[in-house]
Amino acid sequence: MSKPDNAELSARIEATAAQTCVDAAFEASLREQRADDAGYTFLAGGEGCEYYDYCKQHYAKHAQAAAATAAGEGPDGDGGGSAAAAPTGEGSAGPLPAEAGPA
């Protein structure tokens, strides 16, 4: 699985995945609103769906790490939180690699 060649689609997928981690109902709402929109077929198994799944996992993992850090927990939930445990890069979720996931 790799990032779609279409930069606009990749950006849409990343933004949607990031928002889904903030608002779980967002995906269902968007899926319903954009059912006939060719730019959102990744929500229903179309082009980019594997990248979308990867992005959701990526953002969810980093959101959990940020929440644990904010709560004063270490990466292992041991109470040893530190600023170093916080994700870095773009936004609070950290950067996505140029070629995401296994090939």
N, C-alpha and C. Protein backbone atom coordinates (compact mmCIF):
# COMPACT_ATOMS: atom_id res chain seq x y z
N MET A 1 0.85 -1.17 0.00
CA MET A 1 0.00 0.00 0.00
C MET A 1 0.90 1.23 0.00
N SER A 2 0.54 2.18 -0.82
CA SER A 2 1.31 3.41 -0.85
C SER A 2 0.37 4.60 -1.00
N LYS A 3 0.94 5.74 -0.79
CA LYS A 3 0.21 7.00 -0.90
C LYS A 3 -0.26 7.17 -2.36
N PRO A 4 -1.51 7.56 -2.57
CA PRO A 4 -1.98 7.77 -3.95
C PRO A 4 -1.13 8.82 -4.67
N ASP A 5 -0.95 8.62 -5.97
CA ASP A 5 -0.18 9.56 -6.78
C ASP A 5 -0.87 10.92 -6.87
N ASN A 6 -2.18 10.93 -6.82
CA ASN A 6 -2.96 12.16 -6.91
C ASN A 6 -2.81 12.95 -5.60
N ALA A 7 -2.09 14.07 -5.67
CA ALA A 7 -1.80 14.86 -4.46
C ALA A 7 -3.07 15.39 -3.80
N GLU A 8 -4.04 15.77 -4.61
CA GLU A 8 -5.31 16.30 -4.05
C GLU A 8 -6.04 15.20 -3.29
N LEU A 9 -6.07 14.00 -3.85
CA LEU A 9 -6.72 12.87 -3.18
C LEU A 9 -5.99 12.53 -1.89
N SER A 10 -4.67 12.50 -1.94
CA SER A 10 -3.88 12.19 -0.73
C SER A 10 -4.16 13.20 0.38
N ALA A 11 -4.21 14.48 0.03
CA ALA A 11 -4.48 15.52 1.02
C ALA A 11 -5.88 15.36 1.60
N ARG A 12 -6.85 15.03 0.75
CA ARG A 12 -8.23 14.85 1.21
C ARG A 12 -8.31 13.65 2.16
N ILE A 13 -7.63 12.58 1.80
CA ILE A 13 -7.61 11.38 2.65
C ILE A 13 -6.99 11.70 4.00
N GLU A 14 -5.86 12.38 4.01
CA GLU A 14 -5.17 12.70 5.27
C GLU A 14 -6.01 13.61 6.15
N ALA A 15 -6.63 14.62 5.54
CA ALA A 15 -7.47 15.54 6.32
C ALA A 15 -8.69 14.83 6.89
N THR A 16 -9.30 13.96 6.10
CA THR A 16 -10.46 13.21 6.56
C THR A 16 -10.09 12.27 7.69
N ALA A 17 -8.98 11.58 7.54
CA ALA A 17 -8.53 10.65 8.59
C ALA A 17 -8.22 11.39 9.89
N ALA A 18 -7.57 12.53 9.79
CA ALA A 18 -7.25 13.32 10.98
C ALA A 18 -8.51 13.80 11.68
N GLN A 19 -9.49 14.26 10.92
CA GLN A 19 -10.75 14.74 11.50
C GLN A 19 -11.53 13.60 12.13
N THR A 20 -11.46 12.42 11.53
CA THR A 20 -12.16 11.26 12.07
C THR A 20 -11.65 10.92 13.47
N CYS A 21 -10.37 11.14 13.71
CA CYS A 21 -9.81 10.86 15.04
C CYS A 21 -10.29 11.86 16.08
N VAL A 22 -10.69 13.04 15.64
CA VAL A 22 -11.19 14.07 16.54
C VAL A 22 -12.68 13.89 16.79
N ASP A 23 -13.40 13.46 15.74
CA ASP A 23 -14.86 13.35 15.79
C ASP A 23 -15.27 12.05 15.12
N ALA A 24 -15.53 11.02 15.92
CA ALA A 24 -15.82 9.69 15.39
C ALA A 24 -17.06 9.66 14.48
N ALA A 25 -18.01 10.54 14.71
CA ALA A 25 -19.22 10.57 13.88
C ALA A 25 -18.97 11.23 12.53
N PHE A 26 -17.84 11.88 12.39
CA PHE A 26 -17.53 12.60 11.15
C PHE A 26 -17.51 11.67 9.94
N GLU A 27 -16.88 10.52 10.08
CA GLU A 27 -16.76 9.60 8.95
C GLU A 27 -18.13 9.15 8.45
N ALA A 28 -19.01 8.74 9.34
CA ALA A 28 -20.34 8.28 8.94
C ALA A 28 -21.12 9.40 8.27
N SER A 29 -21.02 10.59 8.84
CA SER A 29 -21.71 11.74 8.27
C SER A 29 -21.18 12.07 6.87
N LEU A 30 -19.87 12.07 6.74
CA LEU A 30 -19.25 12.38 5.45
C LEU A 30 -19.57 11.29 4.43
N ARG A 31 -19.55 10.05 4.86
CA ARG A 31 -19.87 8.93 3.97
C ARG A 31 -21.29 9.10 3.40
N GLU A 32 -22.20 9.52 4.24
CA GLU A 32 -23.58 9.73 3.80
C GLU A 32 -23.69 10.95 2.88
N GLN A 33 -23.05 12.05 3.26
CA GLN A 33 -23.13 13.29 2.49
C GLN A 33 -22.42 13.18 1.14
N ARG A 34 -21.35 12.42 1.07
CA ARG A 34 -20.51 12.35 -0.14
C ARG A 34 -20.65 11.01 -0.87
N ALA A 35 -21.74 10.30 -0.66
CA ALA A 35 -21.92 8.98 -1.26
C ALA A 35 -21.75 8.98 -2.77
N ASP A 36 -22.16 10.04 -3.42
CA ASP A 36 -22.09 10.12 -4.88
C ASP A 36 -20.93 10.96 -5.38
N ASP A 37 -20.03 11.35 -4.50
CA ASP A 37 -18.90 12.21 -4.85
C ASP A 37 -17.69 11.35 -5.18
N ALA A 38 -17.24 11.40 -6.43
CA ALA A 38 -16.10 10.58 -6.87
C ALA A 38 -14.83 10.87 -6.08
N GLY A 39 -14.71 12.03 -5.47
CA GLY A 39 -13.53 12.38 -4.70
C GLY A 39 -13.47 11.73 -3.33
N TYR A 40 -14.54 11.04 -2.94
CA TYR A 40 -14.60 10.41 -1.62
C TYR A 40 -14.87 8.91 -1.70
N THR A 41 -14.55 8.27 -2.82
CA THR A 41 -14.80 6.83 -2.94
C THR A 41 -13.95 6.02 -1.97
N PHE A 42 -12.88 6.62 -1.45
CA PHE A 42 -12.03 5.92 -0.48
C PHE A 42 -12.81 5.56 0.78
N LEU A 43 -13.91 6.25 1.04
CA LEU A 43 -14.74 5.95 2.22
C LEU A 43 -15.53 4.67 2.05
N ALA A 44 -15.67 4.22 0.80
CA ALA A 44 -16.47 3.03 0.52
C ALA A 44 -15.66 1.98 -0.24
N GLY A 45 -14.36 1.93 -0.01
CA GLY A 45 -13.53 0.89 -0.61
C GLY A 45 -12.95 1.24 -1.97
N GLY A 46 -13.12 2.48 -2.41
CA GLY A 46 -12.60 2.90 -3.71
C GLY A 46 -11.13 3.28 -3.64
N GLU A 47 -10.67 3.98 -4.67
CA GLU A 47 -9.27 4.38 -4.77
C GLU A 47 -8.80 5.10 -3.50
N GLY A 48 -7.71 4.64 -2.94
CA GLY A 48 -7.13 5.25 -1.75
C GLY A 48 -7.64 4.69 -0.44
N CYS A 49 -8.52 3.68 -0.48
CA CYS A 49 -9.10 3.17 0.77
C CYS A 49 -8.06 2.57 1.71
N GLU A 50 -7.03 1.89 1.16
CA GLU A 50 -5.99 1.32 2.02
C GLU A 50 -5.15 2.42 2.67
N TYR A 51 -4.88 3.47 1.91
CA TYR A 51 -4.14 4.60 2.46
C TYR A 51 -4.97 5.29 3.54
N TYR A 52 -6.27 5.41 3.31
CA TYR A 52 -7.16 6.01 4.30
C TYR A 52 -7.13 5.21 5.60
N ASP A 53 -7.21 3.88 5.50
CA ASP A 53 -7.15 3.04 6.70
C ASP A 53 -5.83 3.23 7.43
N TYR A 54 -4.74 3.30 6.66
CA TYR A 54 -3.43 3.53 7.27
C TYR A 54 -3.41 4.87 8.00
N CYS A 55 -3.90 5.92 7.34
CA CYS A 55 -3.89 7.26 7.94
C CYS A 55 -4.72 7.30 9.22
N LYS A 56 -5.88 6.64 9.21
CA LYS A 56 -6.71 6.61 10.43
C LYS A 56 -5.95 5.95 11.57
N GLN A 57 -5.26 4.85 11.29
CA GLN A 57 -4.48 4.18 12.33
C GLN A 57 -3.35 5.07 12.82
N HIS A 58 -2.68 5.73 11.89
CA HIS A 58 -1.58 6.63 12.23
C HIS A 58 -2.05 7.75 13.15
N TYR A 59 -3.11 8.43 12.74
CA TYR A 59 -3.61 9.56 13.53
C TYR A 59 -4.18 9.10 14.87
N ALA A 60 -4.84 7.96 14.90
CA ALA A 60 -5.39 7.44 16.15
C ALA A 60 -4.26 7.11 17.13
N LYS A 61 -3.20 6.48 16.62
CA LYS A 61 -2.06 6.12 17.48
C LYS A 61 -1.43 7.37 18.09
N HIS A 62 -1.25 8.40 17.27
CA HIS A 62 -0.63 9.62 17.78
C HIS A 62 -1.58 10.42 18.67
N ALA A 63 -2.87 10.34 18.41
CA ALA A 63 -3.83 11.00 19.29
C ALA A 63 -3.82 10.35 20.67
N GLN A 64 -3.72 9.03 20.71
CA GLN A 64 -3.66 8.31 21.99
C GLN A 64 -2.38 8.67 22.74
N ALA A 65 -1.28 8.77 22.04
CA ALA A 65 -0.02 9.13 22.69
C ALA A 65 -0.08 10.55 23.25
N ALA A 66 -0.69 11.45 22.48
CA ALA A 66 -0.82 12.84 22.95
C ALA A 66 -1.73 12.91 24.16
N ALA A 67 -2.81 12.13 24.16
CA ALA A 67 -3.73 12.12 25.30
C ALA A 67 -3.04 11.56 26.54
N ALA A 68 -2.25 10.52 26.36
CA ALA A 68 -1.53 9.94 27.49
C ALA A 68 -0.51 10.93 28.05
N THR A 69 0.17 11.65 27.17
CA THR A 69 1.14 12.65 27.61
C THR A 69 0.44 13.77 28.36
N ALA A 70 -0.70 14.21 27.85
CA ALA A 70 -1.46 15.28 28.50
C ALA A 70 -1.96 14.84 29.87
N ALA A 71 -2.24 13.54 30.02
CA ALA A 71 -2.72 13.02 31.29
C ALA A 71 -1.57 12.70 32.25
N GLY A 72 -0.33 12.92 31.80
CA GLY A 72 0.82 12.67 32.67
C GLY A 72 1.25 11.23 32.69
N GLU A 73 0.80 10.43 31.71
CA GLU A 73 1.20 9.04 31.65
C GLU A 73 2.36 8.89 30.69
N GLY A 74 3.17 7.91 30.95
CA GLY A 74 4.25 7.59 30.03
C GLY A 74 3.71 6.76 28.88
N PRO A 75 4.53 6.46 27.93
CA PRO A 75 4.10 5.65 26.79
C PRO A 75 3.57 4.28 27.19
N ASP A 76 4.01 3.79 28.37
CA ASP A 76 3.54 2.49 28.85
C ASP A 76 2.45 2.63 29.89
N GLY A 77 1.88 3.85 30.05
CA GLY A 77 0.83 4.06 31.03
C GLY A 77 1.34 4.03 32.46
N ASP A 78 2.63 4.32 32.64
CA ASP A 78 3.25 4.18 33.94
C ASP A 78 3.35 5.48 34.74
N GLY A 79 2.74 6.54 34.22
CA GLY A 79 2.81 7.80 34.95
C GLY A 79 4.08 8.57 34.70
N GLY A 80 4.94 8.07 33.83
CA GLY A 80 6.22 8.73 33.57
C GLY A 80 6.18 9.55 32.30
N GLY A 81 5.16 10.37 32.15
CA GLY A 81 5.02 11.17 30.93
C GLY A 81 6.07 12.25 30.83
N SER A 82 6.37 12.61 29.61
CA SER A 82 7.30 13.71 29.38
C SER A 82 7.00 14.33 28.04
N ALA A 83 7.51 15.52 27.83
CA ALA A 83 7.31 16.20 26.56
C ALA A 83 7.92 15.39 25.42
N ALA A 84 8.94 14.60 25.70
CA ALA A 84 9.59 13.81 24.65
C ALA A 84 8.65 12.74 24.10
N ALA A 85 7.64 12.34 24.86
CA ALA A 85 6.72 11.31 24.40
C ALA A 85 5.68 11.86 23.44
N ALA A 86 5.57 13.18 23.38
CA ALA A 86 4.57 13.79 22.50
C ALA A 86 4.99 13.63 21.05
N PRO A 87 4.01 13.40 20.16
CA PRO A 87 4.34 13.30 18.75
C PRO A 87 4.87 14.61 18.21
N THR A 88 5.68 14.51 17.18
CA THR A 88 6.24 15.71 16.58
C THR A 88 5.87 15.78 15.12
N GLY A 89 6.11 16.90 14.50
CA GLY A 89 5.84 17.04 13.08
C GLY A 89 4.62 17.89 12.83
N GLU A 90 3.92 17.62 11.73
CA GLU A 90 2.77 18.41 11.34
C GLU A 90 1.62 18.15 12.30
N GLY A 91 1.09 19.19 12.89
CA GLY A 91 -0.03 19.05 13.81
C GLY A 91 0.36 18.21 14.99
N SER A 92 -0.63 17.64 15.67
CA SER A 92 -0.35 16.83 16.84
C SER A 92 -0.18 15.37 16.48
N ALA A 93 -0.39 15.01 15.22
CA ALA A 93 -0.34 13.61 14.85
C ALA A 93 1.00 13.19 14.29
N GLY A 94 1.90 14.10 14.08
CA GLY A 94 3.17 13.73 13.49
C GLY A 94 3.02 13.56 11.99
N PRO A 95 4.13 13.58 11.31
CA PRO A 95 4.08 13.50 9.86
C PRO A 95 3.76 12.10 9.37
N LEU A 96 3.15 12.02 8.22
CA LEU A 96 2.95 10.75 7.56
C LEU A 96 4.17 10.50 6.68
N PRO A 97 4.66 9.28 6.62
CA PRO A 97 5.79 9.03 5.75
C PRO A 97 5.41 9.21 4.28
N ALA A 98 6.37 9.53 3.45
CA ALA A 98 6.11 9.75 2.02
C ALA A 98 5.51 8.50 1.40
N GLU A 99 6.04 7.36 1.72
CA GLU A 99 5.47 6.09 1.27
C GLU A 99 5.05 5.35 2.52
N ALA A 100 3.75 5.30 2.75
CA ALA A 100 3.23 4.77 4.00
C ALA A 100 3.00 3.28 3.93
N GLY A 101 3.29 2.63 5.03
CA GLY A 101 2.94 1.24 5.18
C GLY A 101 3.77 0.29 4.33
N PRO A 102 3.51 -1.00 4.46
CA PRO A 102 4.26 -1.99 3.69
C PRO A 102 3.85 -1.96 2.22
N ALA A 103 4.75 -2.32 1.35
CA ALA A 103 4.48 -2.33 -0.09
C ALA A 103 3.59 -3.48 -0.48
